[in-house]
Amino acid sequence: MGKKIKLIWDFRGPTAEKTAEHHEIHLREYISSEGLELKITGSQMINEMHSLAFMVVNEQQMITVRDALRPHRGELYP
């Protein structure tokens, strides 16, 4: 199957947690509309002023998804 890449969107400020949770909804909608194989998404609060939303894609799909959704950063997913 190859490597998996975790694409990450960072949100900062007092509304970061709610914004990240809402962004995850849109990531799930994108996965469904594009018929992506992996359906791994999530949101995580780092601290009260920093939260993130993420989705995991196969390495082969990373460039297409990156160009469409413009994540802030990415990392290898275990």
N, C-alpha and C. Protein backbone atom coordinates (compact mmCIF):
# COMPACT_ATOMS: atom_id res chain seq x y z
N MET A 1 0.81 -1.19 0.00
CA MET A 1 0.00 0.00 0.00
C MET A 1 0.86 1.26 0.00
N GLY A 2 2.03 1.25 0.57
CA GLY A 2 2.89 2.41 0.57
C GLY A 2 2.74 3.25 1.82
N LYS A 3 3.43 4.36 1.80
CA LYS A 3 3.43 5.26 2.95
C LYS A 3 2.11 6.02 3.05
N LYS A 4 1.80 6.41 4.29
CA LYS A 4 0.64 7.25 4.56
C LYS A 4 1.15 8.59 5.06
N ILE A 5 0.49 9.65 4.63
CA ILE A 5 0.87 11.01 4.99
C ILE A 5 -0.28 11.65 5.76
N LYS A 6 0.05 12.25 6.89
CA LYS A 6 -0.92 12.98 7.70
C LYS A 6 -0.82 14.46 7.32
N LEU A 7 -1.88 14.99 6.71
CA LEU A 7 -1.94 16.40 6.34
C LEU A 7 -2.59 17.16 7.48
N ILE A 8 -2.00 18.29 7.87
CA ILE A 8 -2.40 18.98 9.09
C ILE A 8 -2.73 20.45 8.80
N TRP A 9 -3.83 20.91 9.40
CA TRP A 9 -4.23 22.31 9.37
C TRP A 9 -4.21 22.82 10.80
N ASP A 10 -3.44 23.88 11.06
CA ASP A 10 -3.33 24.47 12.39
C ASP A 10 -4.29 25.64 12.53
N PHE A 11 -4.89 25.75 13.70
CA PHE A 11 -5.78 26.87 14.02
C PHE A 11 -5.36 27.43 15.36
N ARG A 12 -5.33 28.75 15.44
CA ARG A 12 -4.87 29.41 16.66
C ARG A 12 -5.88 30.47 17.10
N GLY A 13 -5.89 30.71 18.40
CA GLY A 13 -6.77 31.72 18.96
C GLY A 13 -7.82 31.10 19.85
N PRO A 14 -8.67 31.92 20.44
CA PRO A 14 -9.66 31.41 21.40
C PRO A 14 -10.71 30.49 20.78
N THR A 15 -10.91 30.55 19.46
CA THR A 15 -11.90 29.69 18.80
C THR A 15 -11.24 28.53 18.05
N ALA A 16 -9.98 28.28 18.31
CA ALA A 16 -9.23 27.27 17.55
C ALA A 16 -9.85 25.88 17.64
N GLU A 17 -10.27 25.48 18.82
CA GLU A 17 -10.81 24.12 18.99
C GLU A 17 -12.07 23.92 18.15
N LYS A 18 -13.00 24.85 18.22
CA LYS A 18 -14.24 24.73 17.45
C LYS A 18 -13.97 24.83 15.94
N THR A 19 -13.03 25.67 15.56
CA THR A 19 -12.69 25.79 14.14
C THR A 19 -12.10 24.49 13.61
N ALA A 20 -11.21 23.87 14.38
CA ALA A 20 -10.61 22.59 13.97
C ALA A 20 -11.67 21.50 13.86
N GLU A 21 -12.59 21.46 14.82
CA GLU A 21 -13.66 20.46 14.77
C GLU A 21 -14.53 20.67 13.52
N HIS A 22 -14.82 21.92 13.20
CA HIS A 22 -15.63 22.22 12.02
C HIS A 22 -14.86 21.88 10.74
N HIS A 23 -13.58 22.17 10.72
CA HIS A 23 -12.77 21.87 9.54
C HIS A 23 -12.74 20.37 9.27
N GLU A 24 -12.72 19.57 10.33
CA GLU A 24 -12.74 18.11 10.15
C GLU A 24 -13.99 17.66 9.42
N ILE A 25 -15.11 18.31 9.65
CA ILE A 25 -16.35 17.98 8.93
C ILE A 25 -16.13 18.14 7.42
N HIS A 26 -15.50 19.24 7.05
CA HIS A 26 -15.24 19.48 5.62
C HIS A 26 -14.24 18.47 5.05
N LEU A 27 -13.27 18.05 5.86
CA LEU A 27 -12.32 17.03 5.40
C LEU A 27 -13.05 15.71 5.13
N ARG A 28 -13.97 15.33 6.00
CA ARG A 28 -14.75 14.10 5.78
C ARG A 28 -15.61 14.23 4.53
N GLU A 29 -16.19 15.41 4.31
CA GLU A 29 -16.99 15.63 3.09
C GLU A 29 -16.12 15.48 1.85
N TYR A 30 -14.91 16.02 1.88
CA TYR A 30 -13.99 15.92 0.74
C TYR A 30 -13.64 14.45 0.48
N ILE A 31 -13.34 13.71 1.52
CA ILE A 31 -13.01 12.28 1.38
C ILE A 31 -14.16 11.55 0.70
N SER A 32 -15.38 11.83 1.14
CA SER A 32 -16.56 11.18 0.57
C SER A 32 -16.77 11.59 -0.89
N SER A 33 -16.67 12.87 -1.18
CA SER A 33 -16.93 13.33 -2.54
C SER A 33 -15.87 12.87 -3.53
N GLU A 34 -14.64 12.73 -3.07
CA GLU A 34 -13.55 12.30 -3.95
C GLU A 34 -13.35 10.79 -3.95
N GLY A 35 -14.06 10.07 -3.08
CA GLY A 35 -13.94 8.62 -3.03
C GLY A 35 -12.57 8.14 -2.60
N LEU A 36 -11.96 8.86 -1.67
CA LEU A 36 -10.62 8.47 -1.20
C LEU A 36 -10.69 7.17 -0.40
N GLU A 37 -9.63 6.40 -0.52
CA GLU A 37 -9.57 5.08 0.10
C GLU A 37 -9.51 5.17 1.63
N LEU A 38 -8.63 6.02 2.15
CA LEU A 38 -8.49 6.17 3.60
C LEU A 38 -9.52 7.15 4.13
N LYS A 39 -10.08 6.84 5.27
CA LYS A 39 -11.09 7.70 5.87
C LYS A 39 -10.68 8.10 7.29
N ILE A 40 -9.39 8.41 7.44
CA ILE A 40 -8.85 8.77 8.76
C ILE A 40 -8.80 10.29 8.86
N THR A 41 -9.56 10.84 9.80
CA THR A 41 -9.55 12.28 10.07
C THR A 41 -9.57 12.47 11.58
N GLY A 42 -9.36 13.69 12.01
CA GLY A 42 -9.47 13.98 13.42
C GLY A 42 -9.19 15.44 13.71
N SER A 43 -9.42 15.79 14.96
CA SER A 43 -9.03 17.11 15.44
C SER A 43 -8.42 16.91 16.82
N GLN A 44 -7.56 17.82 17.18
CA GLN A 44 -6.82 17.67 18.43
C GLN A 44 -6.53 19.05 19.01
N MET A 45 -6.80 19.19 20.30
CA MET A 45 -6.46 20.44 20.97
C MET A 45 -5.04 20.30 21.53
N ILE A 46 -4.15 21.18 21.12
CA ILE A 46 -2.78 21.19 21.63
C ILE A 46 -2.75 21.95 22.94
N ASN A 47 -3.33 23.13 22.97
CA ASN A 47 -3.56 23.91 24.19
C ASN A 47 -4.75 24.81 23.92
N GLU A 48 -5.11 25.65 24.85
CA GLU A 48 -6.35 26.42 24.69
C GLU A 48 -6.31 27.43 23.55
N MET A 49 -5.14 27.69 23.01
CA MET A 49 -5.01 28.64 21.91
C MET A 49 -4.50 28.00 20.62
N HIS A 50 -4.38 26.68 20.57
CA HIS A 50 -3.87 26.00 19.37
C HIS A 50 -4.54 24.63 19.25
N SER A 51 -5.22 24.43 18.14
CA SER A 51 -5.82 23.14 17.81
C SER A 51 -5.50 22.83 16.36
N LEU A 52 -5.69 21.57 15.99
CA LEU A 52 -5.44 21.18 14.61
C LEU A 52 -6.49 20.20 14.13
N ALA A 53 -6.62 20.16 12.83
CA ALA A 53 -7.45 19.16 12.15
C ALA A 53 -6.52 18.42 11.20
N PHE A 54 -6.82 17.14 10.96
CA PHE A 54 -5.94 16.37 10.08
C PHE A 54 -6.72 15.34 9.29
N MET A 55 -6.10 14.92 8.21
CA MET A 55 -6.58 13.76 7.45
C MET A 55 -5.37 12.99 6.96
N VAL A 56 -5.55 11.70 6.75
CA VAL A 56 -4.47 10.83 6.32
C VAL A 56 -4.77 10.38 4.89
N VAL A 57 -3.74 10.48 4.04
CA VAL A 57 -3.88 10.05 2.64
C VAL A 57 -2.73 9.12 2.28
N ASN A 58 -2.94 8.34 1.24
CA ASN A 58 -1.86 7.53 0.69
C ASN A 58 -0.85 8.45 0.01
N GLU A 59 0.40 8.05 0.02
CA GLU A 59 1.46 8.86 -0.56
C GLU A 59 1.14 9.24 -2.01
N GLN A 60 0.54 8.34 -2.77
CA GLN A 60 0.24 8.59 -4.17
C GLN A 60 -0.80 9.70 -4.35
N GLN A 61 -1.66 9.90 -3.37
CA GLN A 61 -2.72 10.91 -3.45
C GLN A 61 -2.30 12.25 -2.84
N MET A 62 -1.17 12.28 -2.17
CA MET A 62 -0.79 13.44 -1.37
C MET A 62 -0.73 14.72 -2.19
N ILE A 63 -0.11 14.71 -3.35
CA ILE A 63 0.07 15.95 -4.13
C ILE A 63 -1.28 16.48 -4.59
N THR A 64 -2.15 15.62 -5.05
CA THR A 64 -3.48 16.05 -5.50
C THR A 64 -4.26 16.68 -4.36
N VAL A 65 -4.27 16.00 -3.22
CA VAL A 65 -5.02 16.51 -2.06
C VAL A 65 -4.35 17.78 -1.53
N ARG A 66 -3.04 17.79 -1.47
CA ARG A 66 -2.31 18.98 -1.00
C ARG A 66 -2.65 20.20 -1.84
N ASP A 67 -2.64 20.03 -3.16
CA ASP A 67 -2.92 21.16 -4.04
C ASP A 67 -4.37 21.62 -3.94
N ALA A 68 -5.28 20.70 -3.68
CA ALA A 68 -6.70 21.05 -3.57
C ALA A 68 -7.04 21.69 -2.23
N LEU A 69 -6.45 21.20 -1.15
CA LEU A 69 -6.86 21.63 0.19
C LEU A 69 -5.85 22.49 0.93
N ARG A 70 -4.65 22.58 0.44
CA ARG A 70 -3.60 23.45 0.99
C ARG A 70 -3.39 23.32 2.51
N PRO A 71 -2.99 22.15 2.98
CA PRO A 71 -2.70 21.99 4.41
C PRO A 71 -1.50 22.85 4.81
N HIS A 72 -1.39 23.11 6.09
CA HIS A 72 -0.27 23.91 6.60
C HIS A 72 1.01 23.09 6.69
N ARG A 73 0.87 21.79 6.92
CA ARG A 73 2.05 20.94 7.04
C ARG A 73 1.64 19.49 6.91
N GLY A 74 2.63 18.61 6.87
CA GLY A 74 2.37 17.19 6.77
C GLY A 74 3.47 16.40 7.45
N GLU A 75 3.16 15.15 7.77
CA GLU A 75 4.15 14.27 8.38
C GLU A 75 3.79 12.83 8.04
N LEU A 76 4.76 11.95 8.18
CA LEU A 76 4.49 10.53 7.96
C LEU A 76 3.54 10.03 9.03
N TYR A 77 2.62 9.18 8.64
CA TYR A 77 1.65 8.59 9.55
C TYR A 77 2.07 7.14 9.81
N PRO A 78 2.13 6.75 11.08
CA PRO A 78 2.61 5.38 11.39
C PRO A 78 1.72 4.28 10.83
